[in-house]
Amino acid sequence: MFSFLRRFGPPQIEVADLDARLDAGTMRLLDVREESEFRSGHVPGAICVPLKKLPERLAKLKRDKPYAVICDRGNRSQSATNLLLDEGFEGTVSVRGGTIAWAASGRAIIR
């Protein structure tokens, strides 16, 4: 994506679309909250890499599928999405409303 388009924020995905893509196996889910937040409840299938540790762990992330990035409400995930896009992780999106929106929609949370 052209970086100048991101001045309005990174691309986002709604929880219903995310759910469908996770079910289809066409997207990975990266949770950028702190590990304690992740343990308190997360979306099934999510992997946890806290935002502050993300730059040092980029090399370990697989590049076979695009990433959806999630946090609590969506602020940290937007920063992480921009970082991933800048590092060449094409198709990366931020989850609008974060884990709170996922849970509010009645979808499962792992505790």
N, C-alpha and C. Protein backbone atom coordinates (compact mmCIF):
# COMPACT_ATOMS: atom_id res chain seq x y z
N MET A 1 0.85 -1.18 0.00
CA MET A 1 0.00 0.00 0.00
C MET A 1 0.89 1.23 0.00
N PHE A 2 0.43 2.28 -0.62
CA PHE A 2 1.19 3.52 -0.64
C PHE A 2 1.11 4.19 0.72
N SER A 3 2.27 4.52 1.28
CA SER A 3 2.30 5.06 2.63
C SER A 3 1.53 6.38 2.75
N PHE A 4 1.46 7.16 1.68
CA PHE A 4 0.75 8.44 1.78
C PHE A 4 -0.75 8.22 2.02
N LEU A 5 -1.28 7.07 1.66
CA LEU A 5 -2.69 6.79 1.92
C LEU A 5 -2.96 6.54 3.39
N ARG A 6 -1.92 6.16 4.14
CA ARG A 6 -2.11 5.84 5.54
C ARG A 6 -2.18 7.06 6.44
N ARG A 7 -2.10 8.24 5.89
CA ARG A 7 -2.24 9.42 6.74
C ARG A 7 -3.63 9.46 7.37
N PHE A 8 -4.56 8.73 6.80
CA PHE A 8 -5.92 8.63 7.35
C PHE A 8 -6.04 7.41 8.26
N GLY A 9 -4.94 6.74 8.52
CA GLY A 9 -4.93 5.55 9.35
C GLY A 9 -4.70 4.31 8.50
N PRO A 10 -4.27 3.25 9.14
CA PRO A 10 -4.01 2.02 8.40
C PRO A 10 -5.32 1.36 7.96
N PRO A 11 -5.24 0.45 7.00
CA PRO A 11 -6.45 -0.28 6.62
C PRO A 11 -7.01 -1.06 7.80
N GLN A 12 -8.33 -1.15 7.85
CA GLN A 12 -8.98 -1.83 8.98
C GLN A 12 -9.93 -2.91 8.47
N ILE A 13 -10.24 -3.82 9.38
CA ILE A 13 -11.16 -4.91 9.09
C ILE A 13 -12.17 -5.00 10.24
N GLU A 14 -13.40 -5.33 9.90
CA GLU A 14 -14.44 -5.52 10.92
C GLU A 14 -14.32 -6.93 11.49
N VAL A 15 -14.84 -7.13 12.70
CA VAL A 15 -14.70 -8.45 13.35
C VAL A 15 -15.41 -9.55 12.56
N ALA A 16 -16.52 -9.26 11.92
CA ALA A 16 -17.23 -10.30 11.14
C ALA A 16 -16.36 -10.77 9.97
N ASP A 17 -15.70 -9.84 9.29
CA ASP A 17 -14.82 -10.20 8.18
C ASP A 17 -13.60 -10.96 8.69
N LEU A 18 -13.06 -10.52 9.81
CA LEU A 18 -11.94 -11.22 10.42
C LEU A 18 -12.32 -12.65 10.76
N ASP A 19 -13.46 -12.83 11.37
CA ASP A 19 -13.93 -14.16 11.75
C ASP A 19 -14.00 -15.06 10.52
N ALA A 20 -14.55 -14.56 9.44
CA ALA A 20 -14.66 -15.35 8.20
C ALA A 20 -13.29 -15.70 7.64
N ARG A 21 -12.37 -14.76 7.68
CA ARG A 21 -11.03 -15.02 7.14
C ARG A 21 -10.24 -15.98 8.02
N LEU A 22 -10.43 -15.89 9.33
CA LEU A 22 -9.77 -16.85 10.23
C LEU A 22 -10.33 -18.26 9.99
N ASP A 23 -11.64 -18.36 9.85
CA ASP A 23 -12.27 -19.65 9.57
C ASP A 23 -11.76 -20.25 8.25
N ALA A 24 -11.55 -19.39 7.26
CA ALA A 24 -11.07 -19.85 5.96
C ALA A 24 -9.57 -20.13 5.95
N GLY A 25 -8.88 -19.68 7.01
CA GLY A 25 -7.43 -19.89 7.08
C GLY A 25 -6.62 -18.99 6.18
N THR A 26 -7.19 -17.84 5.81
CA THR A 26 -6.50 -16.95 4.88
C THR A 26 -5.81 -15.77 5.56
N MET A 27 -5.83 -15.75 6.89
CA MET A 27 -5.25 -14.63 7.62
C MET A 27 -4.72 -15.12 8.96
N ARG A 28 -3.64 -14.50 9.41
CA ARG A 28 -3.10 -14.75 10.75
C ARG A 28 -3.54 -13.60 11.66
N LEU A 29 -3.65 -13.88 12.95
CA LEU A 29 -4.07 -12.86 13.91
C LEU A 29 -2.96 -12.60 14.91
N LEU A 30 -2.53 -11.36 14.98
CA LEU A 30 -1.45 -10.93 15.86
C LEU A 30 -2.02 -10.00 16.92
N ASP A 31 -1.93 -10.41 18.18
CA ASP A 31 -2.41 -9.62 19.31
C ASP A 31 -1.23 -8.86 19.89
N VAL A 32 -1.29 -7.53 19.88
CA VAL A 32 -0.15 -6.71 20.31
C VAL A 32 -0.33 -6.14 21.71
N ARG A 33 -1.27 -6.69 22.49
CA ARG A 33 -1.42 -6.27 23.87
C ARG A 33 -0.32 -6.90 24.71
N GLU A 34 -0.18 -6.42 25.93
CA GLU A 34 0.77 -7.01 26.86
C GLU A 34 0.37 -8.45 27.17
N GLU A 35 1.33 -9.27 27.55
CA GLU A 35 1.06 -10.69 27.81
C GLU A 35 0.00 -10.89 28.89
N SER A 36 -0.03 -10.04 29.91
CA SER A 36 -1.04 -10.18 30.96
C SER A 36 -2.44 -9.90 30.41
N GLU A 37 -2.56 -8.94 29.50
CA GLU A 37 -3.85 -8.66 28.87
C GLU A 37 -4.28 -9.84 28.00
N PHE A 38 -3.33 -10.38 27.27
CA PHE A 38 -3.60 -11.53 26.40
C PHE A 38 -4.11 -12.71 27.21
N ARG A 39 -3.45 -12.98 28.33
CA ARG A 39 -3.86 -14.10 29.19
C ARG A 39 -5.24 -13.89 29.79
N SER A 40 -5.66 -12.65 29.97
CA SER A 40 -6.97 -12.38 30.56
C SER A 40 -8.11 -12.64 29.58
N GLY A 41 -7.82 -12.76 28.31
CA GLY A 41 -8.82 -13.08 27.31
C GLY A 41 -8.38 -12.65 25.93
N HIS A 42 -8.39 -13.62 24.99
CA HIS A 42 -7.96 -13.30 23.62
C HIS A 42 -8.79 -14.07 22.60
N VAL A 43 -8.70 -13.63 21.37
CA VAL A 43 -9.39 -14.27 20.26
C VAL A 43 -8.72 -15.61 19.97
N PRO A 44 -9.50 -16.67 19.77
CA PRO A 44 -8.91 -17.97 19.46
C PRO A 44 -7.97 -17.88 18.24
N GLY A 45 -6.82 -18.51 18.36
CA GLY A 45 -5.87 -18.54 17.26
C GLY A 45 -4.88 -17.38 17.23
N ALA A 46 -5.08 -16.39 18.09
CA ALA A 46 -4.18 -15.23 18.10
C ALA A 46 -2.83 -15.60 18.68
N ILE A 47 -1.78 -14.95 18.15
CA ILE A 47 -0.46 -15.06 18.74
C ILE A 47 -0.15 -13.72 19.39
N CYS A 48 0.54 -13.77 20.52
CA CYS A 48 0.82 -12.55 21.27
C CYS A 48 2.25 -12.09 21.05
N VAL A 49 2.38 -10.88 20.55
CA VAL A 49 3.66 -10.18 20.47
C VAL A 49 3.37 -8.74 20.89
N PRO A 50 3.67 -8.40 22.14
CA PRO A 50 3.38 -7.04 22.61
C PRO A 50 4.00 -5.98 21.69
N LEU A 51 3.30 -4.88 21.53
CA LEU A 51 3.73 -3.82 20.62
C LEU A 51 5.17 -3.40 20.87
N LYS A 52 5.56 -3.25 22.13
CA LYS A 52 6.92 -2.79 22.41
C LYS A 52 7.98 -3.80 22.01
N LYS A 53 7.61 -5.08 21.86
CA LYS A 53 8.56 -6.12 21.45
C LYS A 53 8.49 -6.44 19.96
N LEU A 54 7.51 -5.88 19.28
CA LEU A 54 7.30 -6.21 17.88
C LEU A 54 8.51 -5.92 16.99
N PRO A 55 9.17 -4.77 17.10
CA PRO A 55 10.30 -4.51 16.20
C PRO A 55 11.39 -5.59 16.27
N GLU A 56 11.66 -6.10 17.46
CA GLU A 56 12.71 -7.11 17.59
C GLU A 56 12.26 -8.50 17.17
N ARG A 57 10.97 -8.69 17.02
CA ARG A 57 10.45 -10.02 16.64
C ARG A 57 9.96 -10.10 15.20
N LEU A 58 10.12 -9.04 14.44
CA LEU A 58 9.65 -9.03 13.05
C LEU A 58 10.22 -10.18 12.23
N ALA A 59 11.49 -10.46 12.41
CA ALA A 59 12.15 -11.50 11.62
C ALA A 59 11.57 -12.89 11.86
N LYS A 60 10.92 -13.08 13.01
CA LYS A 60 10.34 -14.39 13.34
C LYS A 60 8.92 -14.57 12.82
N LEU A 61 8.31 -13.50 12.34
CA LEU A 61 6.93 -13.59 11.85
C LEU A 61 6.90 -14.22 10.46
N LYS A 62 5.97 -15.15 10.27
CA LYS A 62 5.80 -15.78 8.96
C LYS A 62 5.19 -14.77 8.00
N ARG A 63 5.49 -14.96 6.73
CA ARG A 63 4.99 -14.04 5.70
C ARG A 63 4.10 -14.75 4.68
N ASP A 64 3.59 -15.92 5.02
CA ASP A 64 2.79 -16.69 4.06
C ASP A 64 1.35 -16.23 3.95
N LYS A 65 0.86 -15.47 4.92
CA LYS A 65 -0.51 -14.95 4.91
C LYS A 65 -0.47 -13.53 5.46
N PRO A 66 -1.45 -12.72 5.09
CA PRO A 66 -1.52 -11.38 5.70
C PRO A 66 -1.91 -11.47 7.17
N TYR A 67 -1.57 -10.43 7.91
CA TYR A 67 -1.89 -10.35 9.33
C TYR A 67 -3.04 -9.39 9.59
N ALA A 68 -3.90 -9.80 10.51
CA ALA A 68 -4.85 -8.89 11.14
C ALA A 68 -4.23 -8.62 12.51
N VAL A 69 -4.16 -7.36 12.89
CA VAL A 69 -3.53 -6.98 14.15
C VAL A 69 -4.63 -6.48 15.09
N ILE A 70 -4.61 -7.01 16.32
CA ILE A 70 -5.66 -6.68 17.28
C ILE A 70 -5.04 -6.26 18.61
N CYS A 71 -5.73 -5.40 19.31
CA CYS A 71 -5.36 -5.01 20.67
C CYS A 71 -6.66 -4.93 21.47
N ASP A 72 -6.73 -4.03 22.40
CA ASP A 72 -7.92 -3.91 23.24
C ASP A 72 -9.05 -3.20 22.49
N ARG A 73 -8.74 -1.98 22.00
CA ARG A 73 -9.75 -1.16 21.32
C ARG A 73 -9.37 -0.81 19.88
N GLY A 74 -8.10 -0.88 19.55
CA GLY A 74 -7.68 -0.58 18.19
C GLY A 74 -6.56 0.43 18.04
N ASN A 75 -6.14 1.08 19.12
CA ASN A 75 -5.09 2.09 19.00
C ASN A 75 -3.71 1.48 18.78
N ARG A 76 -3.32 0.55 19.62
CA ARG A 76 -2.01 -0.10 19.47
C ARG A 76 -1.95 -0.90 18.18
N SER A 77 -3.06 -1.50 17.81
CA SER A 77 -3.04 -2.30 16.59
C SER A 77 -2.82 -1.42 15.35
N GLN A 78 -3.27 -0.20 15.38
CA GLN A 78 -3.02 0.70 14.25
C GLN A 78 -1.53 1.01 14.13
N SER A 79 -0.87 1.25 15.25
CA SER A 79 0.57 1.50 15.21
C SER A 79 1.32 0.28 14.70
N ALA A 80 0.94 -0.89 15.20
CA ALA A 80 1.59 -2.13 14.78
C ALA A 80 1.34 -2.41 13.30
N THR A 81 0.13 -2.14 12.84
CA THR A 81 -0.20 -2.34 11.43
C THR A 81 0.68 -1.47 10.55
N ASN A 82 0.84 -0.21 10.92
CA ASN A 82 1.71 0.68 10.15
C ASN A 82 3.14 0.15 10.12
N LEU A 83 3.64 -0.32 11.25
CA LEU A 83 4.99 -0.87 11.31
C LEU A 83 5.13 -2.07 10.37
N LEU A 84 4.17 -2.99 10.45
CA LEU A 84 4.24 -4.18 9.60
C LEU A 84 4.17 -3.82 8.12
N LEU A 85 3.29 -2.90 7.76
CA LEU A 85 3.20 -2.47 6.37
C LEU A 85 4.51 -1.83 5.91
N ASP A 86 5.11 -1.00 6.76
CA ASP A 86 6.39 -0.38 6.43
C ASP A 86 7.49 -1.41 6.25
N GLU A 87 7.37 -2.54 6.92
CA GLU A 87 8.37 -3.61 6.83
C GLU A 87 8.04 -4.63 5.75
N GLY A 88 7.05 -4.34 4.93
CA GLY A 88 6.74 -5.19 3.78
C GLY A 88 5.76 -6.31 4.01
N PHE A 89 5.03 -6.29 5.13
CA PHE A 89 4.02 -7.30 5.40
C PHE A 89 2.72 -6.87 4.69
N GLU A 90 2.64 -7.22 3.42
CA GLU A 90 1.52 -6.79 2.59
C GLU A 90 0.20 -7.38 3.07
N GLY A 91 -0.84 -6.59 2.95
CA GLY A 91 -2.18 -7.04 3.30
C GLY A 91 -2.51 -6.93 4.78
N THR A 92 -1.58 -6.39 5.58
CA THR A 92 -1.83 -6.27 7.02
C THR A 92 -2.94 -5.25 7.28
N VAL A 93 -3.82 -5.60 8.22
CA VAL A 93 -4.94 -4.73 8.59
C VAL A 93 -5.07 -4.67 10.10
N SER A 94 -5.66 -3.62 10.58
CA SER A 94 -5.97 -3.45 12.00
C SER A 94 -7.43 -3.85 12.23
N VAL A 95 -7.70 -4.50 13.35
CA VAL A 95 -9.07 -4.92 13.66
C VAL A 95 -9.81 -3.76 14.33
N ARG A 96 -10.83 -3.27 13.66
CA ARG A 96 -11.61 -2.14 14.18
C ARG A 96 -12.31 -2.54 15.48
N GLY A 97 -12.07 -1.76 16.53
CA GLY A 97 -12.71 -2.01 17.82
C GLY A 97 -12.01 -3.03 18.69
N GLY A 98 -11.01 -3.74 18.13
CA GLY A 98 -10.19 -4.67 18.90
C GLY A 98 -10.92 -5.82 19.55
N THR A 99 -10.29 -6.35 20.58
CA THR A 99 -10.83 -7.49 21.31
C THR A 99 -12.17 -7.15 21.97
N ILE A 100 -12.35 -5.91 22.36
CA ILE A 100 -13.62 -5.48 22.95
C ILE A 100 -14.75 -5.66 21.95
N ALA A 101 -14.54 -5.26 20.70
CA ALA A 101 -15.57 -5.41 19.67
C ALA A 101 -15.81 -6.89 19.37
N TRP A 102 -14.74 -7.68 19.35
CA TRP A 102 -14.87 -9.12 19.12
C TRP A 102 -15.78 -9.75 20.20
N ALA A 103 -15.47 -9.46 21.46
CA ALA A 103 -16.25 -10.03 22.57
C ALA A 103 -17.68 -9.50 22.57
N ALA A 104 -17.86 -8.21 22.27
CA ALA A 104 -19.18 -7.61 22.24
C ALA A 104 -20.06 -8.22 21.17
N SER A 105 -19.44 -8.77 20.13
CA SER A 105 -20.21 -9.39 19.04
C SER A 105 -20.69 -10.79 19.42
N GLY A 106 -20.29 -11.27 20.61
CA GLY A 106 -20.70 -12.59 21.06
C GLY A 106 -19.78 -13.71 20.62
N ARG A 107 -18.65 -13.36 20.01
CA ARG A 107 -17.71 -14.38 19.56
C ARG A 107 -16.87 -14.88 20.73
N ALA A 108 -16.32 -16.07 20.56
CA ALA A 108 -15.58 -16.73 21.65
C ALA A 108 -14.31 -15.97 22.02
N ILE A 109 -14.02 -16.01 23.32
CA ILE A 109 -12.78 -15.47 23.87
C ILE A 109 -12.14 -16.59 24.68
N ILE A 110 -10.85 -16.78 24.49
CA ILE A 110 -10.09 -17.79 25.24
C ILE A 110 -9.59 -17.12 26.51
N ARG A 111 -9.87 -17.74 27.66
CA ARG A 111 -9.41 -17.22 28.95
C ARG A 111 -8.53 -18.22 29.64
